[in-house]
Amino acid sequence: MIIFGTRGVRSTKATGNFNCPQCELNREYRHRKVTQFFTLYFIPLIPLGSKGEYVECNHCKGTFITRVLDGVKTTDKKAFMAMYEQAIRHVMVKMMLADGVIDENEKIAVLHIINKYGHNDMSSFQLEDYIKQVQTDGKDISTYLKHVGPSLNDHGKELLIKSALDVAYSDGHFDDTEKELLFKMGEIMEMSSAHIKGLMAEALEKMN
């Protein structure tokens, strides 16, 4: 049986030091490029084109659009990272609330993601307060996501979708309301439905 498909292969274009918006310190970075390859028996053989580029901090592993290397003002970086962190918090809690049931495993997943990718750690007590806030404020996922989505590269967008999938699958169920929210995230970040479906399939495959 012949097994073929496609996958993204990452390579390093350049390295150096930059002011990491997430660490807020001077850190070493890698300028990464993702190339889509045709694969045969899982071996990448034929390059099909670039899927994008991003900058990765060697310390916190945060990823950023390449213009972070262009001398953007520190105040602009801080403003973006604050909005990015707010988007992560809001979207992950919205995903947890999508099916109408708050599961303890979902809370653990949400807290892990917020503290992994956010700059300001959140305690379990703070999460409880934030959940109540999100339940009553009436803001949808576009409130913060629409401000950060256009500035994220493909890798950054996929990271948000995969994090939301981790939350959705953490209670052992994945229902239509959660699926609908994922497609809404993709729409806001200008990702195709096929792209979202591919990430869903990838997440499900890893679980099995």
N, C-alpha and C. Protein backbone atom coordinates (compact mmCIF):
# COMPACT_ATOMS: atom_id res chain seq x y z
N MET A 1 0.84 -1.20 0.00
CA MET A 1 0.00 0.00 0.00
C MET A 1 0.88 1.25 0.00
N ILE A 2 0.61 2.17 -0.92
CA ILE A 2 1.37 3.41 -1.01
C ILE A 2 0.76 4.44 -0.08
N ILE A 3 1.58 4.98 0.79
CA ILE A 3 1.10 6.01 1.74
C ILE A 3 1.72 7.34 1.34
N PHE A 4 0.86 8.31 1.00
CA PHE A 4 1.37 9.62 0.64
C PHE A 4 0.52 10.71 1.31
N GLY A 5 1.03 11.93 1.32
CA GLY A 5 0.32 13.04 1.94
C GLY A 5 1.16 14.29 1.89
N THR A 6 0.88 15.23 2.76
CA THR A 6 1.65 16.47 2.85
C THR A 6 1.89 16.81 4.32
N ARG A 7 2.96 17.54 4.57
CA ARG A 7 3.19 18.06 5.92
C ARG A 7 4.15 19.24 5.85
N GLY A 8 4.08 20.06 6.88
CA GLY A 8 4.96 21.21 6.96
C GLY A 8 6.29 20.84 7.60
N VAL A 9 7.37 21.30 7.00
CA VAL A 9 8.72 21.05 7.53
C VAL A 9 9.34 22.40 7.92
N ARG A 10 9.79 22.50 9.18
CA ARG A 10 10.36 23.75 9.67
C ARG A 10 11.87 23.78 9.47
N SER A 11 12.36 24.95 9.09
CA SER A 11 13.79 25.15 8.94
C SER A 11 14.16 26.51 9.55
N THR A 12 15.42 26.68 9.89
CA THR A 12 15.88 27.93 10.50
C THR A 12 16.57 28.80 9.45
N LYS A 13 16.05 30.01 9.24
CA LYS A 13 16.63 30.94 8.28
C LYS A 13 17.76 31.76 8.89
N ALA A 14 17.58 32.14 10.16
CA ALA A 14 18.58 33.00 10.81
C ALA A 14 18.42 32.89 12.32
N THR A 15 19.46 33.29 13.03
CA THR A 15 19.42 33.34 14.49
C THR A 15 20.00 34.68 14.93
N GLY A 16 19.76 35.02 16.18
CA GLY A 16 20.28 36.28 16.71
C GLY A 16 19.66 36.60 18.05
N ASN A 17 19.72 37.85 18.42
CA ASN A 17 19.12 38.31 19.66
C ASN A 17 18.06 39.36 19.36
N PHE A 18 17.00 39.36 20.15
CA PHE A 18 15.95 40.36 19.99
C PHE A 18 15.30 40.62 21.34
N ASN A 19 14.50 41.66 21.39
CA ASN A 19 13.77 41.98 22.61
C ASN A 19 12.46 41.20 22.58
N CYS A 20 12.38 40.08 23.29
CA CYS A 20 11.20 39.21 23.26
C CYS A 20 10.02 39.93 23.94
N PRO A 21 8.91 40.11 23.24
CA PRO A 21 7.74 40.77 23.82
C PRO A 21 7.16 40.01 25.01
N GLN A 22 7.32 38.69 25.00
CA GLN A 22 6.74 37.89 26.08
C GLN A 22 7.65 37.85 27.31
N CYS A 23 8.94 37.67 27.10
CA CYS A 23 9.89 37.66 28.23
C CYS A 23 10.18 39.08 28.71
N GLU A 24 10.03 40.06 27.79
CA GLU A 24 10.39 41.45 28.05
C GLU A 24 11.87 41.57 28.42
N LEU A 25 12.67 40.74 27.79
CA LEU A 25 14.12 40.75 27.98
C LEU A 25 14.80 40.46 26.64
N ASN A 26 16.08 40.74 26.56
CA ASN A 26 16.83 40.42 25.37
C ASN A 26 17.10 38.91 25.35
N ARG A 27 16.64 38.25 24.30
CA ARG A 27 16.75 36.78 24.22
C ARG A 27 17.29 36.37 22.85
N GLU A 28 17.79 35.15 22.78
CA GLU A 28 18.16 34.58 21.49
C GLU A 28 16.91 34.10 20.76
N TYR A 29 16.92 34.22 19.45
CA TYR A 29 15.76 33.80 18.66
C TYR A 29 16.20 32.96 17.47
N ARG A 30 15.21 32.28 16.90
CA ARG A 30 15.39 31.60 15.61
C ARG A 30 14.32 32.12 14.66
N HIS A 31 14.74 32.55 13.48
CA HIS A 31 13.82 32.95 12.42
C HIS A 31 13.49 31.67 11.64
N ARG A 32 12.25 31.21 11.79
CA ARG A 32 11.86 29.90 11.25
C ARG A 32 10.99 30.04 10.00
N LYS A 33 11.17 29.11 9.09
CA LYS A 33 10.37 29.04 7.87
C LYS A 33 9.68 27.67 7.82
N VAL A 34 8.41 27.66 7.41
CA VAL A 34 7.66 26.41 7.29
C VAL A 34 7.38 26.16 5.81
N THR A 35 7.88 25.03 5.29
CA THR A 35 7.68 24.67 3.89
C THR A 35 6.79 23.44 3.80
N GLN A 36 5.77 23.52 2.96
CA GLN A 36 4.87 22.38 2.75
C GLN A 36 5.52 21.39 1.79
N PHE A 37 5.57 20.11 2.19
CA PHE A 37 6.18 19.07 1.36
C PHE A 37 5.18 17.98 1.01
N PHE A 38 5.32 17.43 -0.18
CA PHE A 38 4.64 16.18 -0.53
C PHE A 38 5.43 15.04 0.11
N THR A 39 4.74 14.13 0.80
CA THR A 39 5.43 13.03 1.49
C THR A 39 5.04 11.68 0.90
N LEU A 40 5.99 10.79 0.88
CA LEU A 40 5.77 9.40 0.47
C LEU A 40 6.30 8.52 1.58
N TYR A 41 5.41 7.71 2.15
CA TYR A 41 5.75 6.91 3.33
C TYR A 41 6.30 7.82 4.44
N PHE A 42 5.62 8.98 4.61
CA PHE A 42 5.92 9.97 5.66
C PHE A 42 7.27 10.67 5.48
N ILE A 43 7.93 10.43 4.33
CA ILE A 43 9.22 11.09 4.06
C ILE A 43 8.97 12.29 3.15
N PRO A 44 9.36 13.51 3.58
CA PRO A 44 9.16 14.69 2.73
C PRO A 44 10.06 14.64 1.49
N LEU A 45 9.43 14.72 0.31
CA LEU A 45 10.19 14.57 -0.93
C LEU A 45 10.16 15.82 -1.81
N ILE A 46 8.98 16.37 -2.03
CA ILE A 46 8.84 17.47 -2.99
C ILE A 46 8.30 18.72 -2.29
N PRO A 47 9.06 19.82 -2.30
CA PRO A 47 8.55 21.06 -1.70
C PRO A 47 7.40 21.63 -2.52
N LEU A 48 6.32 22.03 -1.83
CA LEU A 48 5.13 22.53 -2.51
C LEU A 48 4.95 24.03 -2.32
N GLY A 49 5.84 24.65 -1.57
CA GLY A 49 5.72 26.08 -1.35
C GLY A 49 5.81 26.44 0.12
N SER A 50 5.96 27.71 0.39
CA SER A 50 6.11 28.19 1.77
C SER A 50 4.75 28.34 2.44
N LYS A 51 4.68 27.93 3.70
CA LYS A 51 3.47 28.13 4.50
C LYS A 51 3.61 29.33 5.42
N GLY A 52 4.77 29.97 5.41
CA GLY A 52 4.94 31.16 6.24
C GLY A 52 6.22 31.13 7.04
N GLU A 53 6.47 32.23 7.73
CA GLU A 53 7.65 32.38 8.56
C GLU A 53 7.26 32.96 9.91
N TYR A 54 8.07 32.71 10.92
CA TYR A 54 7.82 33.27 12.24
C TYR A 54 9.13 33.34 13.02
N VAL A 55 9.09 34.07 14.10
CA VAL A 55 10.25 34.21 14.98
C VAL A 55 9.94 33.48 16.29
N GLU A 56 10.86 32.62 16.72
CA GLU A 56 10.66 31.84 17.94
C GLU A 56 11.71 32.22 18.98
N CYS A 57 11.24 32.56 20.16
CA CYS A 57 12.16 32.87 21.27
C CYS A 57 12.73 31.56 21.82
N ASN A 58 14.04 31.47 21.92
CA ASN A 58 14.67 30.24 22.41
C ASN A 58 14.39 29.99 23.89
N HIS A 59 14.01 31.05 24.61
CA HIS A 59 13.80 30.90 26.06
C HIS A 59 12.36 30.49 26.40
N CYS A 60 11.39 31.33 26.01
CA CYS A 60 9.99 31.04 26.37
C CYS A 60 9.26 30.22 25.32
N LYS A 61 9.88 30.05 24.14
CA LYS A 61 9.31 29.31 23.01
C LYS A 61 8.09 30.02 22.41
N GLY A 62 7.89 31.29 22.78
CA GLY A 62 6.83 32.07 22.16
C GLY A 62 7.14 32.30 20.69
N THR A 63 6.09 32.42 19.87
CA THR A 63 6.30 32.67 18.44
C THR A 63 5.62 33.97 18.06
N PHE A 64 6.26 34.70 17.14
CA PHE A 64 5.80 36.03 16.78
C PHE A 64 5.96 36.25 15.28
N ILE A 65 5.19 37.20 14.74
CA ILE A 65 5.35 37.55 13.33
C ILE A 65 6.74 38.15 13.13
N THR A 66 7.26 38.06 11.92
CA THR A 66 8.65 38.43 11.68
C THR A 66 8.93 39.92 11.88
N ARG A 67 7.90 40.75 11.84
CA ARG A 67 8.16 42.18 12.02
C ARG A 67 8.56 42.53 13.45
N VAL A 68 8.51 41.53 14.34
CA VAL A 68 9.00 41.76 15.70
C VAL A 68 10.50 42.09 15.67
N LEU A 69 11.16 41.74 14.57
CA LEU A 69 12.59 42.02 14.42
C LEU A 69 12.85 43.38 13.77
N ASP A 70 11.79 44.09 13.41
CA ASP A 70 11.95 45.33 12.66
C ASP A 70 12.03 46.59 13.52
N GLY A 71 12.29 46.42 14.81
CA GLY A 71 12.44 47.59 15.66
C GLY A 71 11.12 48.22 16.06
N VAL A 72 10.08 47.41 16.21
CA VAL A 72 8.79 47.93 16.67
C VAL A 72 8.97 48.50 18.07
N LYS A 73 8.31 49.61 18.35
CA LYS A 73 8.44 50.25 19.65
C LYS A 73 8.04 49.30 20.78
N THR A 74 8.76 49.39 21.89
CA THR A 74 8.47 48.53 23.03
C THR A 74 7.04 48.69 23.51
N THR A 75 6.54 49.92 23.49
CA THR A 75 5.17 50.15 23.95
C THR A 75 4.17 49.42 23.06
N ASP A 76 4.44 49.39 21.73
CA ASP A 76 3.57 48.67 20.82
C ASP A 76 3.61 47.17 21.10
N LYS A 77 4.79 46.65 21.38
CA LYS A 77 4.95 45.23 21.69
C LYS A 77 4.16 44.87 22.95
N LYS A 78 4.30 45.71 23.96
CA LYS A 78 3.61 45.44 25.22
C LYS A 78 2.10 45.49 25.03
N ALA A 79 1.64 46.43 24.24
CA ALA A 79 0.20 46.55 23.99
C ALA A 79 -0.32 45.32 23.27
N PHE A 80 0.45 44.85 22.27
CA PHE A 80 0.03 43.67 21.53
C PHE A 80 0.01 42.44 22.43
N MET A 81 1.06 42.26 23.24
CA MET A 81 1.13 41.08 24.10
C MET A 81 0.02 41.09 25.15
N ALA A 82 -0.34 42.28 25.64
CA ALA A 82 -1.44 42.37 26.60
C ALA A 82 -2.75 41.93 25.94
N MET A 83 -2.98 42.37 24.71
CA MET A 83 -4.18 41.98 23.98
C MET A 83 -4.15 40.49 23.64
N TYR A 84 -2.96 39.98 23.30
CA TYR A 84 -2.81 38.56 22.98
C TYR A 84 -3.14 37.70 24.20
N GLU A 85 -2.62 38.12 25.35
CA GLU A 85 -2.89 37.37 26.58
C GLU A 85 -4.37 37.40 26.92
N GLN A 86 -5.01 38.56 26.74
CA GLN A 86 -6.43 38.67 27.01
C GLN A 86 -7.23 37.79 26.07
N ALA A 87 -6.80 37.73 24.80
CA ALA A 87 -7.49 36.89 23.82
C ALA A 87 -7.40 35.42 24.21
N ILE A 88 -6.23 34.97 24.65
CA ILE A 88 -6.06 33.58 25.08
C ILE A 88 -7.00 33.26 26.24
N ARG A 89 -7.00 34.13 27.25
CA ARG A 89 -7.85 33.89 28.42
C ARG A 89 -9.33 33.82 28.03
N HIS A 90 -9.75 34.78 27.25
CA HIS A 90 -11.17 34.88 26.91
C HIS A 90 -11.62 33.71 26.04
N VAL A 91 -10.83 33.40 25.01
CA VAL A 91 -11.20 32.34 24.08
C VAL A 91 -11.21 30.97 24.76
N MET A 92 -10.22 30.70 25.61
CA MET A 92 -10.16 29.40 26.27
C MET A 92 -11.34 29.21 27.23
N VAL A 93 -11.70 30.26 27.95
CA VAL A 93 -12.84 30.15 28.85
C VAL A 93 -14.14 30.02 28.05
N LYS A 94 -14.24 30.75 26.96
CA LYS A 94 -15.41 30.63 26.10
C LYS A 94 -15.57 29.20 25.56
N MET A 95 -14.45 28.57 25.22
CA MET A 95 -14.50 27.19 24.75
C MET A 95 -14.97 26.27 25.87
N MET A 96 -14.50 26.51 27.08
CA MET A 96 -14.90 25.69 28.22
C MET A 96 -16.41 25.82 28.47
N LEU A 97 -16.96 27.01 28.24
CA LEU A 97 -18.37 27.26 28.51
C LEU A 97 -19.29 26.88 27.36
N ALA A 98 -18.71 26.55 26.21
CA ALA A 98 -19.49 26.36 24.98
C ALA A 98 -20.58 25.30 25.10
N ASP A 99 -20.26 24.19 25.78
CA ASP A 99 -21.24 23.10 25.87
C ASP A 99 -22.19 23.24 27.06
N GLY A 100 -22.05 24.34 27.83
CA GLY A 100 -22.95 24.57 28.96
C GLY A 100 -22.58 23.84 30.23
N VAL A 101 -21.48 23.07 30.21
CA VAL A 101 -21.05 22.30 31.38
C VAL A 101 -19.60 22.67 31.70
N ILE A 102 -19.35 23.01 32.97
CA ILE A 102 -17.98 23.33 33.38
C ILE A 102 -17.38 22.10 34.06
N ASP A 103 -16.42 21.49 33.40
CA ASP A 103 -15.78 20.28 33.89
C ASP A 103 -14.45 20.63 34.55
N GLU A 104 -14.09 19.91 35.62
CA GLU A 104 -12.84 20.19 36.33
C GLU A 104 -11.62 19.98 35.43
N ASN A 105 -11.69 18.98 34.56
CA ASN A 105 -10.57 18.75 33.64
C ASN A 105 -10.42 19.90 32.66
N GLU A 106 -11.54 20.52 32.30
CA GLU A 106 -11.49 21.68 31.42
C GLU A 106 -10.82 22.85 32.14
N LYS A 107 -11.14 23.03 33.40
CA LYS A 107 -10.52 24.11 34.18
C LYS A 107 -9.01 23.92 34.25
N ILE A 108 -8.59 22.69 34.46
CA ILE A 108 -7.15 22.39 34.54
C ILE A 108 -6.49 22.70 33.21
N ALA A 109 -7.13 22.31 32.11
CA ALA A 109 -6.58 22.56 30.77
C ALA A 109 -6.49 24.05 30.49
N VAL A 110 -7.55 24.79 30.82
CA VAL A 110 -7.58 26.24 30.60
C VAL A 110 -6.48 26.93 31.39
N LEU A 111 -6.33 26.57 32.65
CA LEU A 111 -5.32 27.19 33.50
C LEU A 111 -3.92 26.90 32.99
N HIS A 112 -3.70 25.67 32.53
CA HIS A 112 -2.38 25.29 32.00
C HIS A 112 -2.04 26.13 30.77
N ILE A 113 -3.00 26.30 29.88
CA ILE A 113 -2.76 27.06 28.65
C ILE A 113 -2.53 28.54 28.94
N ILE A 114 -3.36 29.11 29.81
CA ILE A 114 -3.21 30.52 30.17
C ILE A 114 -1.85 30.79 30.77
N ASN A 115 -1.41 29.93 31.67
CA ASN A 115 -0.12 30.15 32.34
C ASN A 115 1.07 29.76 31.48
N LYS A 116 0.84 28.95 30.48
CA LYS A 116 1.94 28.57 29.58
C LYS A 116 2.22 29.67 28.56
N TYR A 117 1.17 30.27 28.02
CA TYR A 117 1.35 31.24 26.95
C TYR A 117 1.14 32.69 27.38
N GLY A 118 0.64 32.89 28.59
CA GLY A 118 0.46 34.25 29.08
C GLY A 118 1.67 34.72 29.87
N HIS A 119 1.78 36.04 30.02
CA HIS A 119 2.92 36.60 30.75
C HIS A 119 2.62 36.71 32.25
N ASN A 120 1.34 36.82 32.59
CA ASN A 120 0.93 36.96 33.98
C ASN A 120 0.19 35.71 34.42
N ASP A 121 0.77 34.97 35.36
CA ASP A 121 0.16 33.73 35.83
C ASP A 121 -1.19 33.98 36.49
N MET A 122 -2.08 33.03 36.30
CA MET A 122 -3.42 33.09 36.91
C MET A 122 -3.58 31.93 37.87
N SER A 123 -4.10 32.19 39.05
CA SER A 123 -4.34 31.13 40.03
C SER A 123 -5.71 30.51 39.77
N SER A 124 -5.96 29.38 40.41
CA SER A 124 -7.27 28.72 40.24
C SER A 124 -8.40 29.59 40.78
N PHE A 125 -8.12 30.38 41.82
CA PHE A 125 -9.14 31.27 42.38
C PHE A 125 -9.43 32.41 41.40
N GLN A 126 -8.38 32.94 40.79
CA GLN A 126 -8.56 33.99 39.80
C GLN A 126 -9.32 33.49 38.58
N LEU A 127 -9.06 32.22 38.22
CA LEU A 127 -9.78 31.63 37.09
C LEU A 127 -11.27 31.56 37.40
N GLU A 128 -11.62 31.16 38.61
CA GLU A 128 -13.04 31.08 39.00
C GLU A 128 -13.71 32.44 38.85
N ASP A 129 -13.03 33.49 39.29
CA ASP A 129 -13.59 34.84 39.17
C ASP A 129 -13.72 35.25 37.70
N TYR A 130 -12.72 34.86 36.91
CA TYR A 130 -12.75 35.24 35.51
C TYR A 130 -13.86 34.50 34.76
N ILE A 131 -14.08 33.25 35.11
CA ILE A 131 -15.18 32.48 34.50
C ILE A 131 -16.51 33.19 34.73
N LYS A 132 -16.74 33.65 35.95
CA LYS A 132 -17.99 34.36 36.28
C LYS A 132 -18.10 35.64 35.47
N GLN A 133 -16.96 36.33 35.30
CA GLN A 133 -16.94 37.56 34.52
C GLN A 133 -17.32 37.31 33.07
N VAL A 134 -16.74 36.27 32.48
CA VAL A 134 -17.02 35.93 31.08
C VAL A 134 -18.48 35.50 30.92
N GLN A 135 -19.01 34.81 31.91
CA GLN A 135 -20.40 34.35 31.84
C GLN A 135 -21.39 35.51 31.82
N THR A 136 -21.01 36.63 32.41
CA THR A 136 -21.95 37.75 32.55
C THR A 136 -21.68 38.94 31.63
N ASP A 137 -20.47 39.03 31.05
CA ASP A 137 -20.15 40.24 30.29
C ASP A 137 -20.71 40.27 28.87
N GLY A 138 -21.10 39.11 28.34
CA GLY A 138 -21.74 39.07 27.04
C GLY A 138 -20.82 39.27 25.85
N LYS A 139 -19.51 39.35 26.07
CA LYS A 139 -18.58 39.55 24.96
C LYS A 139 -18.34 38.22 24.24
N ASP A 140 -18.32 38.25 22.89
CA ASP A 140 -18.04 37.02 22.16
C ASP A 140 -16.55 36.92 21.87
N ILE A 141 -16.13 35.83 21.21
CA ILE A 141 -14.70 35.58 21.04
C ILE A 141 -14.02 36.60 20.13
N SER A 142 -14.82 37.32 19.32
CA SER A 142 -14.21 38.29 18.43
C SER A 142 -13.71 39.54 19.16
N THR A 143 -14.18 39.75 20.39
CA THR A 143 -13.85 40.96 21.15
C THR A 143 -12.35 41.23 21.18
N TYR A 144 -11.57 40.20 21.51
CA TYR A 144 -10.12 40.36 21.59
C TYR A 144 -9.41 39.70 20.42
N LEU A 145 -9.98 38.61 19.94
CA LEU A 145 -9.32 37.83 18.89
C LEU A 145 -9.17 38.62 17.60
N LYS A 146 -10.14 39.48 17.30
CA LYS A 146 -10.08 40.24 16.04
C LYS A 146 -8.92 41.23 16.03
N HIS A 147 -8.43 41.60 17.21
CA HIS A 147 -7.31 42.55 17.28
C HIS A 147 -5.95 41.87 17.13
N VAL A 148 -5.86 40.60 17.50
CA VAL A 148 -4.57 39.91 17.44
C VAL A 148 -4.46 38.96 16.25
N GLY A 149 -5.60 38.45 15.76
CA GLY A 149 -5.58 37.49 14.68
C GLY A 149 -4.81 37.93 13.45
N PRO A 150 -5.04 39.16 12.94
CA PRO A 150 -4.33 39.59 11.73
C PRO A 150 -2.82 39.69 11.89
N SER A 151 -2.34 39.82 13.14
CA SER A 151 -0.90 39.97 13.38
C SER A 151 -0.20 38.64 13.64
N LEU A 152 -0.97 37.56 13.74
CA LEU A 152 -0.38 36.25 14.00
C LEU A 152 -0.01 35.56 12.69
N ASN A 153 1.11 34.84 12.69
CA ASN A 153 1.44 34.02 11.53
C ASN A 153 0.66 32.71 11.59
N ASP A 154 0.82 31.87 10.58
CA ASP A 154 0.07 30.60 10.54
C ASP A 154 0.32 29.76 11.77
N HIS A 155 1.58 29.72 12.21
CA HIS A 155 1.92 28.92 13.38
C HIS A 155 1.19 29.44 14.62
N GLY A 156 1.15 30.77 14.78
CA GLY A 156 0.48 31.36 15.93
C GLY A 156 -1.01 31.10 15.92
N LYS A 157 -1.62 31.15 14.74
CA LYS A 157 -3.05 30.88 14.62
C LYS A 157 -3.35 29.41 14.95
N GLU A 158 -2.51 28.53 14.42
CA GLU A 158 -2.70 27.10 14.70
C GLU A 158 -2.54 26.81 16.19
N LEU A 159 -1.63 27.52 16.84
CA LEU A 159 -1.42 27.32 18.27
C LEU A 159 -2.69 27.64 19.06
N LEU A 160 -3.39 28.70 18.70
CA LEU A 160 -4.63 29.06 19.38
C LEU A 160 -5.71 28.00 19.14
N ILE A 161 -5.82 27.54 17.89
CA ILE A 161 -6.82 26.52 17.57
C ILE A 161 -6.52 25.22 18.32
N LYS A 162 -5.25 24.81 18.32
CA LYS A 162 -4.87 23.58 19.01
C LYS A 162 -5.10 23.68 20.51
N SER A 163 -4.85 24.85 21.08
CA SER A 163 -5.08 25.06 22.51
C SER A 163 -6.57 24.95 22.81
N ALA A 164 -7.40 25.55 21.95
CA ALA A 164 -8.85 25.47 22.13
C ALA A 164 -9.33 24.02 22.00
N LEU A 165 -8.72 23.27 21.08
CA LEU A 165 -9.05 21.85 20.94
C LEU A 165 -8.68 21.06 22.19
N ASP A 166 -7.54 21.39 22.80
CA ASP A 166 -7.13 20.73 24.04
C ASP A 166 -8.18 20.93 25.12
N VAL A 167 -8.72 22.14 25.19
CA VAL A 167 -9.77 22.43 26.18
C VAL A 167 -11.04 21.65 25.84
N ALA A 168 -11.43 21.68 24.57
CA ALA A 168 -12.66 21.01 24.15
C ALA A 168 -12.62 19.50 24.41
N TYR A 169 -11.46 18.88 24.16
CA TYR A 169 -11.34 17.43 24.32
C TYR A 169 -11.05 17.01 25.77
N SER A 170 -10.71 17.95 26.62
CA SER A 170 -10.26 17.59 27.98
C SER A 170 -11.33 16.92 28.83
N ASP A 171 -12.61 17.15 28.52
CA ASP A 171 -13.68 16.51 29.29
C ASP A 171 -14.16 15.22 28.65
N GLY A 172 -13.48 14.80 27.57
CA GLY A 172 -13.83 13.55 26.91
C GLY A 172 -14.95 13.67 25.90
N HIS A 173 -15.44 14.89 25.67
CA HIS A 173 -16.52 15.09 24.71
C HIS A 173 -16.17 16.25 23.79
N PHE A 174 -16.68 16.18 22.56
CA PHE A 174 -16.49 17.27 21.60
C PHE A 174 -17.80 17.42 20.86
N ASP A 175 -18.60 18.41 21.28
CA ASP A 175 -19.94 18.53 20.70
C ASP A 175 -20.02 19.63 19.65
N ASP A 176 -21.21 19.81 19.09
CA ASP A 176 -21.39 20.75 17.98
C ASP A 176 -21.15 22.20 18.38
N THR A 177 -21.46 22.56 19.62
CA THR A 177 -21.25 23.96 20.05
C THR A 177 -19.76 24.28 20.10
N GLU A 178 -18.95 23.32 20.53
CA GLU A 178 -17.50 23.52 20.57
C GLU A 178 -16.93 23.58 19.15
N LYS A 179 -17.45 22.71 18.29
CA LYS A 179 -17.00 22.71 16.90
C LYS A 179 -17.35 24.03 16.22
N GLU A 180 -18.55 24.52 16.48
CA GLU A 180 -18.99 25.80 15.90
C GLU A 180 -18.09 26.95 16.35
N LEU A 181 -17.69 26.92 17.62
CA LEU A 181 -16.83 27.97 18.15
C LEU A 181 -15.45 27.93 17.49
N LEU A 182 -14.93 26.73 17.23
CA LEU A 182 -13.64 26.59 16.56
C LEU A 182 -13.68 27.17 15.15
N PHE A 183 -14.75 26.89 14.42
CA PHE A 183 -14.88 27.44 13.08
C PHE A 183 -15.01 28.97 13.12
N LYS A 184 -15.67 29.48 14.17
CA LYS A 184 -15.78 30.92 14.35
C LYS A 184 -14.40 31.53 14.60
N MET A 185 -13.58 30.87 15.41
CA MET A 185 -12.21 31.32 15.62
C MET A 185 -11.45 31.38 14.29
N GLY A 186 -11.59 30.32 13.51
CA GLY A 186 -10.92 30.26 12.21
C GLY A 186 -11.36 31.38 11.29
N GLU A 187 -12.65 31.67 11.29
CA GLU A 187 -13.19 32.75 10.45
C GLU A 187 -12.60 34.10 10.85
N ILE A 188 -12.53 34.36 12.14
CA ILE A 188 -11.99 35.63 12.63
C ILE A 188 -10.52 35.77 12.25
N MET A 189 -9.77 34.67 12.31
CA MET A 189 -8.35 34.70 12.00
C MET A 189 -8.05 34.42 10.53
N GLU A 190 -9.11 34.39 9.70
CA GLU A 190 -8.99 34.20 8.26
C GLU A 190 -8.32 32.87 7.91
N MET A 191 -8.76 31.82 8.59
CA MET A 191 -8.31 30.46 8.30
C MET A 191 -9.43 29.71 7.59
N SER A 192 -9.09 28.87 6.64
CA SER A 192 -10.11 28.14 5.89
C SER A 192 -10.75 27.04 6.73
N SER A 193 -11.94 26.64 6.36
CA SER A 193 -12.63 25.54 7.04
C SER A 193 -11.83 24.25 6.92
N ALA A 194 -11.20 24.06 5.75
CA ALA A 194 -10.39 22.86 5.54
C ALA A 194 -9.21 22.82 6.50
N HIS A 195 -8.62 23.98 6.74
CA HIS A 195 -7.50 24.08 7.68
C HIS A 195 -7.94 23.69 9.09
N ILE A 196 -9.10 24.21 9.51
CA ILE A 196 -9.63 23.90 10.84
C ILE A 196 -9.95 22.41 10.95
N LYS A 197 -10.58 21.86 9.91
CA LYS A 197 -10.92 20.43 9.91
C LYS A 197 -9.66 19.57 10.00
N GLY A 198 -8.60 20.01 9.32
CA GLY A 198 -7.34 19.28 9.38
C GLY A 198 -6.75 19.27 10.78
N LEU A 199 -6.83 20.40 11.47
CA LEU A 199 -6.31 20.48 12.84
C LEU A 199 -7.16 19.64 13.79
N MET A 200 -8.47 19.60 13.54
CA MET A 200 -9.35 18.75 14.35
C MET A 200 -8.97 17.27 14.18
N ALA A 201 -8.77 16.88 12.93
CA ALA A 201 -8.42 15.48 12.63
C ALA A 201 -7.08 15.12 13.26
N GLU A 202 -6.15 16.05 13.19
CA GLU A 202 -4.81 15.83 13.77
C GLU A 202 -4.90 15.65 15.28
N ALA A 203 -5.73 16.48 15.94
CA ALA A 203 -5.89 16.39 17.39
C ALA A 203 -6.55 15.07 17.79
N LEU A 204 -7.56 14.67 17.00
CA LEU A 204 -8.26 13.41 17.29
C LEU A 204 -7.35 12.22 17.11
N GLU A 205 -6.49 12.27 16.09
CA GLU A 205 -5.56 11.19 15.82
C GLU A 205 -4.56 11.03 16.98
N LYS A 206 -4.11 12.14 17.55
CA LYS A 206 -3.16 12.09 18.66
C LYS A 206 -3.81 11.50 19.90
N MET A 207 -5.12 11.69 20.05
CA MET A 207 -5.81 11.18 21.23
C MET A 207 -6.02 9.67 21.16
N ASN A 208 -6.14 9.14 19.94
CA ASN A 208 -6.44 7.70 19.77
C ASN A 208 -5.17 6.86 19.76
